[in-house]
Amino acid sequence: MTRTSVGRFVSEEARGKFLEAYDRAMELWPDPHEELDVETTYGTVHVHRYGARTGDPIVLLHGHAGHASNWYPQVAALGASHPVYAIDTLDDPGRSVQRVVAADGEANASWLGEVLAGLGLERVHLVGLSYGGWLALNQAVHAPERLASIAPLDPGGIEKVPARFYLHAIGGLLALLAPRRLRPALGRLLANPALSSPPEMIAPLMLGMRAYRPNTRPPARTFTDEELRSIHLPTLVLLGGRSALLRPRQARERVTALIPDVRAEIVQRAGHGLTLECPELINEHLLQFISALEHPVAR
């Protein structure tokens, strides 16, 4: 995961166009929601907040090249009983501004820990998709102090990233060039829900891929057995049955064997983007998991 440069837009004009599209995408979120900036050692981290004022907070980490609007199918459901915070990760296009390289796992845990501290959050349920899932696992390994639980969704770091994942990504980009009426069918064929997502959400993704450097990163480093064994938090791992990133059965076997307090399930009809493909089911899984931790059944 070693990086040598900070993320940046190719020009201020490109950044301006991206941010216009980003703001339109955030209109997919329910109102009202707040926007916050947290200063860290590594840069300014932008955060969106929605939902209840009481209850343990749920903190959301999007996938690579994504942004906070990607969580629009989850925010209302999760926010009904919890404060919800969605973070623009430092090394992806968004409203966060990176100034110092976060070169390894410890550095990534450091900036995220500073964000949680800056928001005054002491006990959070950390939910991450894909690379965000890697960040959630990484936080549990290196800096679990402010975490009540983690929920990595089809996360990086369980297995080596396969070649098919990159082919799948290229196929998705090519499919975006197809007529809009054909995209939902292609999305089902490729298990790529972005192809049928609202155009407001797709626009900043496409602009970011063209105008943000570096727009690629080394593959998420696979966690060692010792690192996964060191996670002593309640953990929910949801895996897409049609994932392009993971072999779901093998991934489930690995996390079940190594993480002491884990519940791992395969969502059979979903691909890597399971939060967009079957949002109601994912919301139900997350809320049941968190509710069971907050209201344990007496034995």
C-alpha atoms as a PDB file:
ATOM      1  CA  MET A   1       0.000   0.000   0.000  1.00  0.00           C
ATOM      2  CA  THR A   2       3.033   2.309  -0.082  1.00  0.00           C
ATOM      3  CA  ARG A   3       2.303   5.675  -1.729  1.00  0.00           C
ATOM      4  CA  THR A   4       4.750   8.381  -2.684  1.00  0.00           C
ATOM      5  CA  SER A   5       2.531  11.339  -3.610  1.00  0.00           C
ATOM      6  CA  VAL A   6      -0.644  13.034  -2.457  1.00  0.00           C
ATOM      7  CA  GLY A   7      -3.835  13.021  -4.474  1.00  0.00           C
ATOM      8  CA  ARG A   8      -4.525  16.139  -6.534  1.00  0.00           C
ATOM      9  CA  PHE A   9      -6.626  17.427  -9.399  1.00  0.00           C
ATOM     10  CA  VAL A  10      -4.855  18.192 -12.658  1.00  0.00           C
ATOM     11  CA  SER A  11      -6.040  21.822 -12.527  1.00  0.00           C
ATOM     12  CA  GLU A  12      -8.252  24.185 -10.543  1.00  0.00           C
ATOM     13  CA  GLU A  13     -10.694  24.202 -13.455  1.00  0.00           C
ATOM     14  CA  ALA A  14     -10.959  20.411 -13.292  1.00  0.00           C
ATOM     15  CA  ARG A  15     -11.427  20.553  -9.537  1.00  0.00           C
ATOM     16  CA  GLY A  16     -14.179  23.148  -9.920  1.00  0.00           C
ATOM     17  CA  LYS A  17     -16.088  21.011 -12.428  1.00  0.00           C
ATOM     18  CA  PHE A  18     -15.711  17.989 -10.203  1.00  0.00           C
ATOM     19  CA  LEU A  19     -16.990  19.819  -7.127  1.00  0.00           C
ATOM     20  CA  GLU A  20     -20.034  21.108  -9.024  1.00  0.00           C
ATOM     21  CA  ALA A  21     -20.884  17.508  -9.942  1.00  0.00           C
ATOM     22  CA  TYR A  22     -20.087  16.357  -6.406  1.00  0.00           C
ATOM     23  CA  ASP A  23     -22.529  18.864  -4.913  1.00  0.00           C
ATOM     24  CA  ARG A  24     -25.265  17.740  -7.305  1.00  0.00           C
ATOM     25  CA  ALA A  25     -24.610  14.119  -6.310  1.00  0.00           C
ATOM     26  CA  MET A  26     -24.949  15.007  -2.633  1.00  0.00           C
ATOM     27  CA  GLU A  27     -28.504  16.162  -3.378  1.00  0.00           C
ATOM     28  CA  LEU A  28     -29.320  12.430  -3.412  1.00  0.00           C
ATOM     29  CA  TRP A  29     -28.934  12.484   0.371  1.00  0.00           C
ATOM     30  CA  PRO A  30     -31.974  13.257   2.514  1.00  0.00           C
ATOM     31  CA  ASP A  31     -32.194  16.690   4.112  1.00  0.00           C
ATOM     32  CA  PRO A  32     -31.081  18.191   6.318  1.00  0.00           C
ATOM     33  CA  HIS A  33     -27.436  17.192   6.594  1.00  0.00           C
ATOM     34  CA  GLU A  34     -24.369  19.038   7.779  1.00  0.00           C
ATOM     35  CA  GLU A  35     -20.913  19.365   6.248  1.00  0.00           C
ATOM     36  CA  LEU A  36     -17.839  19.470   8.479  1.00  0.00           C
ATOM     37  CA  ASP A  37     -14.093  19.804   7.927  1.00  0.00           C
ATOM     38  CA  VAL A  38     -11.606  18.196  10.300  1.00  0.00           C
ATOM     39  CA  GLU A  39      -7.946  19.198  10.263  1.00  0.00           C
ATOM     40  CA  THR A  40      -5.502  16.295  10.581  1.00  0.00           C
ATOM     41  CA  THR A  41      -1.759  15.798  10.267  1.00  0.00           C
ATOM     42  CA  TYR A  42      -2.327  14.531   6.745  1.00  0.00           C
ATOM     43  CA  GLY A  43      -4.765  17.147   5.453  1.00  0.00           C
ATOM     44  CA  THR A  44      -8.304  18.484   5.726  1.00  0.00           C
ATOM     45  CA  VAL A  45     -10.921  15.743   5.840  1.00  0.00           C
ATOM     46  CA  HIS A  46     -14.467  16.552   4.720  1.00  0.00           C
ATOM     47  CA  VAL A  47     -17.362  14.840   6.488  1.00  0.00           C
ATOM     48  CA  HIS A  48     -21.129  14.760   5.941  1.00  0.00           C
ATOM     49  CA  ARG A  49     -23.417  14.256   8.930  1.00  0.00           C
ATOM     50  CA  TYR A  50     -27.066  13.174   8.962  1.00  0.00           C
ATOM     51  CA  GLY A  51     -29.565  11.646  11.319  1.00  0.00           C
ATOM     52  CA  ALA A  52     -30.386  11.173  14.971  1.00  0.00           C
ATOM     53  CA  ARG A  53     -28.682  13.136  17.722  1.00  0.00           C
ATOM     54  CA  THR A  54     -28.549  10.171  20.062  1.00  0.00           C
ATOM     55  CA  GLY A  55     -27.243   6.624  19.706  1.00  0.00           C
ATOM     56  CA  ASP A  56     -23.812   5.341  18.824  1.00  0.00           C
ATOM     57  CA  PRO A  57     -22.595   6.955  15.578  1.00  0.00           C
ATOM     58  CA  ILE A  58     -22.223   5.016  12.348  1.00  0.00           C
ATOM     59  CA  VAL A  59     -19.237   6.135  10.273  1.00  0.00           C
ATOM     60  CA  LEU A  60     -19.188   5.293   6.553  1.00  0.00           C
ATOM     61  CA  LEU A  61     -16.098   4.865   4.352  1.00  0.00           C
ATOM     62  CA  HIS A  62     -16.660   4.673   0.595  1.00  0.00           C
ATOM     63  CA  GLY A  63     -14.707   2.633  -1.930  1.00  0.00           C
ATOM     64  CA  HIS A  64     -11.804   3.681  -4.138  1.00  0.00           C
ATOM     65  CA  ALA A  65     -12.598   6.645  -6.421  1.00  0.00           C
ATOM     66  CA  GLY A  66     -15.935   7.034  -4.681  1.00  0.00           C
ATOM     67  CA  HIS A  67     -17.390   9.798  -2.530  1.00  0.00           C
ATOM     68  CA  ALA A  68     -19.970  10.334   0.192  1.00  0.00           C
ATOM     69  CA  SER A  69     -22.983  10.391  -2.126  1.00  0.00           C
ATOM     70  CA  ASN A  70     -22.415   6.673  -2.817  1.00  0.00           C
ATOM     71  CA  TRP A  71     -24.091   5.975   0.530  1.00  0.00           C
ATOM     72  CA  TYR A  72     -27.389   7.632  -0.406  1.00  0.00           C
ATOM     73  CA  PRO A  73     -29.349   4.321  -0.239  1.00  0.00           C
ATOM     74  CA  GLN A  74     -28.152   3.763   3.355  1.00  0.00           C
ATOM     75  CA  VAL A  75     -28.285   7.199   4.971  1.00  0.00           C
ATOM     76  CA  ALA A  76     -31.995   7.539   5.759  1.00  0.00           C
ATOM     77  CA  ALA A  77     -32.341   4.004   7.124  1.00  0.00           C
ATOM     78  CA  LEU A  78     -29.208   4.161   9.279  1.00  0.00           C
ATOM     79  CA  GLY A  79     -29.852   7.752  10.316  1.00  0.00           C
ATOM     80  CA  ALA A  80     -33.322   7.040  11.696  1.00  0.00           C
ATOM     81  CA  SER A  81     -31.806   5.843  14.972  1.00  0.00           C
ATOM     82  CA  HIS A  82     -28.126   6.792  14.762  1.00  0.00           C
ATOM     83  CA  PRO A  83     -25.979   9.777  13.872  1.00  0.00           C
ATOM     84  CA  VAL A  84     -24.401   8.980  10.497  1.00  0.00           C
ATOM     85  CA  TYR A  85     -21.065  10.377   9.344  1.00  0.00           C
ATOM     86  CA  ALA A  86     -19.742   9.786   5.816  1.00  0.00           C
ATOM     87  CA  ILE A  87     -16.068  10.604   5.261  1.00  0.00           C
ATOM     88  CA  ASP A  88     -14.392  11.662   2.019  1.00  0.00           C
ATOM     89  CA  THR A  89     -11.186   9.639   2.249  1.00  0.00           C
ATOM     90  CA  LEU A  90      -7.989  11.620   1.867  1.00  0.00           C
ATOM     91  CA  ASP A  91      -6.557   9.849  -1.170  1.00  0.00           C
ATOM     92  CA  ASP A  92      -9.667   9.922  -3.344  1.00  0.00           C
ATOM     93  CA  PRO A  93     -11.352  12.748  -5.294  1.00  0.00           C
ATOM     94  CA  GLY A  94     -13.743  14.625  -3.054  1.00  0.00           C
ATOM     95  CA  ARG A  95     -13.818  17.660  -0.796  1.00  0.00           C
ATOM     96  CA  SER A  96     -11.010  16.394   1.412  1.00  0.00           C
ATOM     97  CA  VAL A  97      -7.596  17.940   0.695  1.00  0.00           C
ATOM     98  CA  GLN A  98      -4.528  15.809   1.291  1.00  0.00           C
ATOM     99  CA  ARG A  99      -1.212  17.514   2.137  1.00  0.00           C
ATOM    100  CA  VAL A 100       0.922  14.693   3.561  1.00  0.00           C
ATOM    101  CA  VAL A 101       1.285  11.168   2.180  1.00  0.00           C
ATOM    102  CA  ALA A 102      -0.346   8.427   4.246  1.00  0.00           C
ATOM    103  CA  ALA A 103       2.137   5.802   3.179  1.00  0.00           C
ATOM    104  CA  ASP A 104       1.111   2.686   5.107  1.00  0.00           C
ATOM    105  CA  GLY A 105      -1.436   1.087   7.380  1.00  0.00           C
ATOM    106  CA  GLU A 106      -0.348   2.922  10.514  1.00  0.00           C
ATOM    107  CA  ALA A 107      -0.545   6.312   8.769  1.00  0.00           C
ATOM    108  CA  ASN A 108      -4.017   5.572   7.426  1.00  0.00           C
ATOM    109  CA  ALA A 109      -5.159   4.554  10.907  1.00  0.00           C
ATOM    110  CA  SER A 110      -3.623   7.773  12.229  1.00  0.00           C
ATOM    111  CA  TRP A 111      -5.527  10.187   9.975  1.00  0.00           C
ATOM    112  CA  LEU A 112      -8.803   8.341  10.467  1.00  0.00           C
ATOM    113  CA  GLY A 113      -8.273   8.301  14.222  1.00  0.00           C
ATOM    114  CA  GLU A 114      -7.662  12.049  14.131  1.00  0.00           C
ATOM    115  CA  VAL A 115     -10.947  12.531  12.270  1.00  0.00           C
ATOM    116  CA  LEU A 116     -12.896  10.537  14.852  1.00  0.00           C
ATOM    117  CA  ALA A 117     -11.217  12.506  17.642  1.00  0.00           C
ATOM    118  CA  GLY A 118     -11.867  15.810  15.884  1.00  0.00           C
ATOM    119  CA  LEU A 119     -15.549  14.942  15.595  1.00  0.00           C
ATOM    120  CA  GLY A 120     -15.629  14.032  19.283  1.00  0.00           C
ATOM    121  CA  LEU A 121     -16.680  10.427  18.556  1.00  0.00           C
ATOM    122  CA  GLU A 122     -15.772   7.874  21.196  1.00  0.00           C
ATOM    123  CA  ARG A 123     -17.660   4.713  20.236  1.00  0.00           C
ATOM    124  CA  VAL A 124     -18.449   4.274  16.555  1.00  0.00           C
ATOM    125  CA  HIS A 125     -19.654   1.516  14.294  1.00  0.00           C
ATOM    126  CA  LEU A 126     -17.254   1.749  11.349  1.00  0.00           C
ATOM    127  CA  VAL A 127     -18.695   0.584   8.023  1.00  0.00           C
ATOM    128  CA  GLY A 128     -16.588   0.445   4.870  1.00  0.00           C
ATOM    129  CA  LEU A 129     -17.094  -0.780   1.313  1.00  0.00           C
ATOM    130  CA  SER A 130     -14.215  -2.209  -0.747  1.00  0.00           C
ATOM    131  CA  TYR A 131     -11.195   0.028   0.003  1.00  0.00           C
ATOM    132  CA  GLY A 132     -13.291   1.560   2.764  1.00  0.00           C
ATOM    133  CA  GLY A 133     -13.606  -1.969   4.135  1.00  0.00           C
ATOM    134  CA  TRP A 134      -9.812  -2.226   4.071  1.00  0.00           C
ATOM    135  CA  LEU A 135      -9.641   1.014   6.044  1.00  0.00           C
ATOM    136  CA  ALA A 136     -12.125  -0.365   8.592  1.00  0.00           C
ATOM    137  CA  LEU A 137     -10.109  -3.559   9.074  1.00  0.00           C
ATOM    138  CA  ASN A 138      -6.915  -1.519   9.205  1.00  0.00           C
ATOM    139  CA  GLN A 139      -8.361   0.728  11.909  1.00  0.00           C
ATOM    140  CA  ALA A 140      -9.300  -2.317  13.968  1.00  0.00           C
ATOM    141  CA  VAL A 141      -5.741  -3.623  13.642  1.00  0.00           C
ATOM    142  CA  HIS A 142      -3.844  -0.400  14.396  1.00  0.00           C
ATOM    143  CA  ALA A 143      -6.156   1.948  16.339  1.00  0.00           C
ATOM    144  CA  PRO A 144      -9.324   0.302  17.647  1.00  0.00           C
ATOM    145  CA  GLU A 145      -9.736   2.583  20.666  1.00  0.00           C
ATOM    146  CA  ARG A 146     -12.716   4.558  19.356  1.00  0.00           C
ATOM    147  CA  LEU A 147     -14.468   1.622  17.681  1.00  0.00           C
ATOM    148  CA  ALA A 148     -17.510  -0.270  18.941  1.00  0.00           C
ATOM    149  CA  SER A 149     -17.578  -2.560  15.896  1.00  0.00           C
ATOM    150  CA  ILE A 150     -16.542  -2.803  12.265  1.00  0.00           C
ATOM    151  CA  ALA A 151     -18.530  -3.880   9.219  1.00  0.00           C
ATOM    152  CA  PRO A 152     -16.285  -4.401   6.171  1.00  0.00           C
ATOM    153  CA  LEU A 153     -18.421  -4.903   3.054  1.00  0.00           C
ATOM    154  CA  ASP A 154     -16.719  -6.935   0.313  1.00  0.00           C
ATOM    155  CA  PRO A 155     -13.457  -5.488   1.641  1.00  0.00           C
ATOM    156  CA  GLY A 156      -9.977  -5.285   0.274  1.00  0.00           C
ATOM    157  CA  GLY A 157      -7.244  -6.947   2.302  1.00  0.00           C
ATOM    158  CA  ILE A 158      -8.715 -10.435   2.668  1.00  0.00           C
ATOM    159  CA  GLU A 159      -7.197 -11.851  -0.513  1.00  0.00           C
ATOM    160  CA  LYS A 160      -4.769 -10.642  -3.130  1.00  0.00           C
ATOM    161  CA  VAL A 161      -6.537  -8.445  -5.699  1.00  0.00           C
ATOM    162  CA  PRO A 162      -7.144 -10.697  -8.741  1.00  0.00           C
ATOM    163  CA  ALA A 163      -6.681  -9.731 -12.369  1.00  0.00           C
ATOM    164  CA  ARG A 164     -10.408 -10.187 -12.973  1.00  0.00           C
ATOM    165  CA  PHE A 165     -11.104  -7.217 -10.697  1.00  0.00           C
ATOM    166  CA  TYR A 166      -9.271  -4.882 -13.077  1.00  0.00           C
ATOM    167  CA  LEU A 167     -10.962  -6.478 -16.094  1.00  0.00           C
ATOM    168  CA  HIS A 168     -14.303  -5.996 -14.364  1.00  0.00           C
ATOM    169  CA  ALA A 169     -13.517  -2.318 -13.758  1.00  0.00           C
ATOM    170  CA  ILE A 170     -12.523  -1.797 -17.394  1.00  0.00           C
ATOM    171  CA  GLY A 171     -15.692  -3.548 -18.524  1.00  0.00           C
ATOM    172  CA  GLY A 172     -17.759  -1.243 -16.347  1.00  0.00           C
ATOM    173  CA  LEU A 173     -16.122   1.856 -17.797  1.00  0.00           C
ATOM    174  CA  LEU A 174     -16.716   0.636 -21.346  1.00  0.00           C
ATOM    175  CA  ALA A 175     -20.344  -0.167 -20.496  1.00  0.00           C
ATOM    176  CA  LEU A 176     -20.850   3.443 -19.387  1.00  0.00           C
ATOM    177  CA  LEU A 177     -20.318   4.400 -23.033  1.00  0.00           C
ATOM    178  CA  ALA A 178     -23.320   2.314 -24.063  1.00  0.00           C
ATOM    179  CA  PRO A 179     -26.740   3.958 -24.587  1.00  0.00           C
ATOM    180  CA  ARG A 180     -28.379   4.663 -21.244  1.00  0.00           C
ATOM    181  CA  ARG A 181     -31.320   2.349 -21.958  1.00  0.00           C
ATOM    182  CA  LEU A 182     -28.919  -0.621 -22.198  1.00  0.00           C
ATOM    183  CA  ARG A 183     -26.939   0.112 -19.047  1.00  0.00           C
ATOM    184  CA  PRO A 184     -29.263  -1.556 -16.491  1.00  0.00           C
ATOM    185  CA  ALA A 185     -29.081  -4.853 -18.401  1.00  0.00           C
ATOM    186  CA  LEU A 186     -25.304  -4.558 -18.693  1.00  0.00           C
ATOM    187  CA  GLY A 187     -25.165  -3.759 -14.988  1.00  0.00           C
ATOM    188  CA  ARG A 188     -27.016  -6.972 -14.150  1.00  0.00           C
ATOM    189  CA  LEU A 189     -24.797  -8.963 -16.485  1.00  0.00           C
ATOM    190  CA  LEU A 190     -21.587  -7.520 -15.012  1.00  0.00           C
ATOM    191  CA  ALA A 191     -22.847  -7.301 -11.397  1.00  0.00           C
ATOM    192  CA  ASN A 192     -22.040  -3.595 -11.624  1.00  0.00           C
ATOM    193  CA  PRO A 193     -24.796  -1.508 -10.020  1.00  0.00           C
ATOM    194  CA  ALA A 194     -23.146   1.778 -10.947  1.00  0.00           C
ATOM    195  CA  LEU A 195     -24.441   1.264 -14.488  1.00  0.00           C
ATOM    196  CA  SER A 196     -28.010   1.773 -13.310  1.00  0.00           C
ATOM    197  CA  SER A 197     -27.242   4.367 -10.636  1.00  0.00           C
ATOM    198  CA  PRO A 198     -28.537   7.936 -10.898  1.00  0.00           C
ATOM    199  CA  PRO A 199     -26.514  10.031 -13.348  1.00  0.00           C
ATOM    200  CA  GLU A 200     -25.865  12.550 -10.563  1.00  0.00           C
ATOM    201  CA  MET A 201     -23.810   9.907  -8.745  1.00  0.00           C
ATOM    202  CA  ILE A 202     -21.967   8.739 -11.849  1.00  0.00           C
ATOM    203  CA  ALA A 203     -20.872  12.208 -13.014  1.00  0.00           C
ATOM    204  CA  PRO A 204     -18.311  12.902 -10.242  1.00  0.00           C
ATOM    205  CA  LEU A 205     -16.980   9.351 -10.518  1.00  0.00           C
ATOM    206  CA  MET A 206     -16.236   9.852 -14.211  1.00  0.00           C
ATOM    207  CA  LEU A 207     -14.805  13.345 -13.705  1.00  0.00           C
ATOM    208  CA  GLY A 208     -12.611  12.097 -10.881  1.00  0.00           C
ATOM    209  CA  MET A 209     -11.192   9.287 -12.988  1.00  0.00           C
ATOM    210  CA  ARG A 210     -10.248  11.756 -15.717  1.00  0.00           C
ATOM    211  CA  ALA A 211      -9.045  14.690 -13.649  1.00  0.00           C
ATOM    212  CA  TYR A 212      -7.608  13.364 -10.381  1.00  0.00           C
ATOM    213  CA  ARG A 213      -3.997  12.216  -9.948  1.00  0.00           C
ATOM    214  CA  PRO A 214      -3.046   9.710  -8.829  1.00  0.00           C
ATOM    215  CA  ASN A 215      -6.282   8.066  -9.855  1.00  0.00           C
ATOM    216  CA  THR A 216      -4.832   4.614  -9.217  1.00  0.00           C
ATOM    217  CA  ARG A 217      -3.166   3.255  -6.113  1.00  0.00           C
ATOM    218  CA  PRO A 218      -1.275   0.066  -5.346  1.00  0.00           C
ATOM    219  CA  PRO A 219      -3.652  -2.788  -4.544  1.00  0.00           C
ATOM    220  CA  ALA A 220      -4.826  -2.955  -0.955  1.00  0.00           C
ATOM    221  CA  ARG A 221      -2.248  -4.961   0.971  1.00  0.00           C
ATOM    222  CA  THR A 222      -3.524  -8.325   2.178  1.00  0.00           C
ATOM    223  CA  PHE A 223      -3.677  -8.508   5.955  1.00  0.00           C
ATOM    224  CA  THR A 224      -1.579 -11.201   7.579  1.00  0.00           C
ATOM    225  CA  ASP A 225      -3.111 -13.950   9.680  1.00  0.00           C
ATOM    226  CA  GLU A 226      -1.620 -12.328  12.773  1.00  0.00           C
ATOM    227  CA  GLU A 227      -3.213  -8.962  11.951  1.00  0.00           C
ATOM    228  CA  LEU A 228      -6.669 -10.469  11.481  1.00  0.00           C
ATOM    229  CA  ARG A 229      -6.314 -12.470  14.700  1.00  0.00           C
ATOM    230  CA  SER A 230      -5.540  -9.228  16.518  1.00  0.00           C
ATOM    231  CA  ILE A 231      -9.019  -7.821  15.765  1.00  0.00           C
ATOM    232  CA  HIS A 232     -11.006  -8.187  18.975  1.00  0.00           C
ATOM    233  CA  LEU A 233     -14.031  -6.139  17.978  1.00  0.00           C
ATOM    234  CA  PRO A 234     -17.459  -7.392  16.944  1.00  0.00           C
ATOM    235  CA  THR A 235     -17.130  -7.710  13.173  1.00  0.00           C
ATOM    236  CA  LEU A 236     -19.700  -8.128  10.419  1.00  0.00           C
ATOM    237  CA  VAL A 237     -18.276  -9.122   7.042  1.00  0.00           C
ATOM    238  CA  LEU A 238     -20.695  -9.120   4.098  1.00  0.00           C
ATOM    239  CA  LEU A 239     -19.434 -10.581   0.838  1.00  0.00           C
ATOM    240  CA  GLY A 240     -20.946 -10.345  -2.618  1.00  0.00           C
ATOM    241  CA  GLY A 241     -21.756 -13.761  -4.028  1.00  0.00           C
ATOM    242  CA  ARG A 242     -20.761 -12.420  -7.464  1.00  0.00           C
ATOM    243  CA  SER A 243     -17.859 -10.308  -6.215  1.00  0.00           C
ATOM    244  CA  ALA A 244     -15.143  -9.454  -8.724  1.00  0.00           C
ATOM    245  CA  LEU A 245     -12.738  -8.699  -5.860  1.00  0.00           C
ATOM    246  CA  LEU A 246     -13.023 -11.773  -3.661  1.00  0.00           C
ATOM    247  CA  ARG A 247     -13.749 -15.467  -3.833  1.00  0.00           C
ATOM    248  CA  PRO A 248     -16.603 -15.253  -1.352  1.00  0.00           C
ATOM    249  CA  ARG A 249     -16.452 -18.764   0.122  1.00  0.00           C
ATOM    250  CA  GLN A 250     -12.688 -18.652   0.617  1.00  0.00           C
ATOM    251  CA  ALA A 251     -12.894 -15.130   2.032  1.00  0.00           C
ATOM    252  CA  ARG A 252     -15.604 -16.197   4.473  1.00  0.00           C
ATOM    253  CA  GLU A 253     -13.553 -19.183   5.579  1.00  0.00           C
ATOM    254  CA  ARG A 254     -10.491 -17.005   6.189  1.00  0.00           C
ATOM    255  CA  VAL A 255     -12.161 -14.316   8.269  1.00  0.00           C
ATOM    256  CA  THR A 256     -14.198 -16.891  10.198  1.00  0.00           C
ATOM    257  CA  ALA A 257     -11.042 -18.825  11.055  1.00  0.00           C
ATOM    258  CA  LEU A 258      -9.019 -15.782  12.100  1.00  0.00           C
ATOM    259  CA  ILE A 259     -11.178 -12.958  13.492  1.00  0.00           C
ATOM    260  CA  PRO A 260     -12.361 -14.034  16.961  1.00  0.00           C
ATOM    261  CA  ASP A 261     -15.746 -12.251  17.068  1.00  0.00           C
ATOM    262  CA  VAL A 262     -16.901 -12.288  13.470  1.00  0.00           C
ATOM    263  CA  ARG A 263     -20.133 -12.908  11.627  1.00  0.00           C
ATOM    264  CA  ALA A 264     -19.491 -13.443   7.921  1.00  0.00           C
ATOM    265  CA  GLU A 265     -22.224 -13.861   5.325  1.00  0.00           C
ATOM    266  CA  ILE A 266     -22.407 -14.135   1.557  1.00  0.00           C
ATOM    267  CA  VAL A 267     -25.067 -12.024  -0.159  1.00  0.00           C
ATOM    268  CA  GLN A 268     -25.747 -14.398  -2.999  1.00  0.00           C
ATOM    269  CA  ARG A 269     -27.230 -12.169  -5.673  1.00  0.00           C
ATOM    270  CA  ALA A 270     -24.893  -9.209  -5.140  1.00  0.00           C
ATOM    271  CA  GLY A 271     -21.594  -8.291  -6.729  1.00  0.00           C
ATOM    272  CA  HIS A 272     -18.846  -6.047  -5.376  1.00  0.00           C
ATOM    273  CA  GLY A 273     -21.173  -3.034  -5.147  1.00  0.00           C
ATOM    274  CA  LEU A 274     -23.637  -4.711  -2.832  1.00  0.00           C
ATOM    275  CA  THR A 275     -24.688  -1.462  -1.077  1.00  0.00           C
ATOM    276  CA  LEU A 276     -26.183  -0.249  -4.355  1.00  0.00           C
ATOM    277  CA  GLU A 277     -27.424  -3.603  -5.643  1.00  0.00           C
ATOM    278  CA  CYS A 278     -29.454  -4.635  -2.595  1.00  0.00           C
ATOM    279  CA  PRO A 279     -29.538  -1.630  -0.261  1.00  0.00           C
ATOM    280  CA  GLU A 280     -32.553  -2.734   1.793  1.00  0.00           C
ATOM    281  CA  LEU A 281     -30.912  -6.056   2.619  1.00  0.00           C
ATOM    282  CA  ILE A 282     -27.588  -4.443   3.503  1.00  0.00           C
ATOM    283  CA  ASN A 283     -29.323  -1.854   5.676  1.00  0.00           C
ATOM    284  CA  GLU A 284     -31.209  -4.637   7.458  1.00  0.00           C
ATOM    285  CA  HIS A 285     -27.993  -6.595   8.104  1.00  0.00           C
ATOM    286  CA  LEU A 286     -26.198  -3.530   9.445  1.00  0.00           C
ATOM    287  CA  LEU A 287     -29.027  -2.408  11.706  1.00  0.00           C
ATOM    288  CA  GLN A 288     -29.614  -5.894  13.112  1.00  0.00           C
ATOM    289  CA  PHE A 289     -25.887  -6.292  13.810  1.00  0.00           C
ATOM    290  CA  ILE A 290     -25.624  -2.924  15.565  1.00  0.00           C
ATOM    291  CA  SER A 291     -28.883  -3.386  17.484  1.00  0.00           C
ATOM    292  CA  ALA A 292     -27.712  -6.745  18.814  1.00  0.00           C
ATOM    293  CA  LEU A 293     -24.565  -5.093  20.169  1.00  0.00           C
ATOM    294  CA  GLU A 294     -26.459  -2.238  21.783  1.00  0.00           C
ATOM    295  CA  HIS A 295     -29.256  -4.418  23.190  1.00  0.00           C
ATOM    296  CA  PRO A 296     -27.731  -7.820  23.953  1.00  0.00           C
ATOM    297  CA  VAL A 297     -30.115 -10.607  24.840  1.00  0.00           C
ATOM    298  CA  ALA A 298     -29.671 -11.715  28.434  1.00  0.00           C
ATOM    299  CA  ARG A 299     -28.784 -15.372  28.886  1.00  0.00           C
END
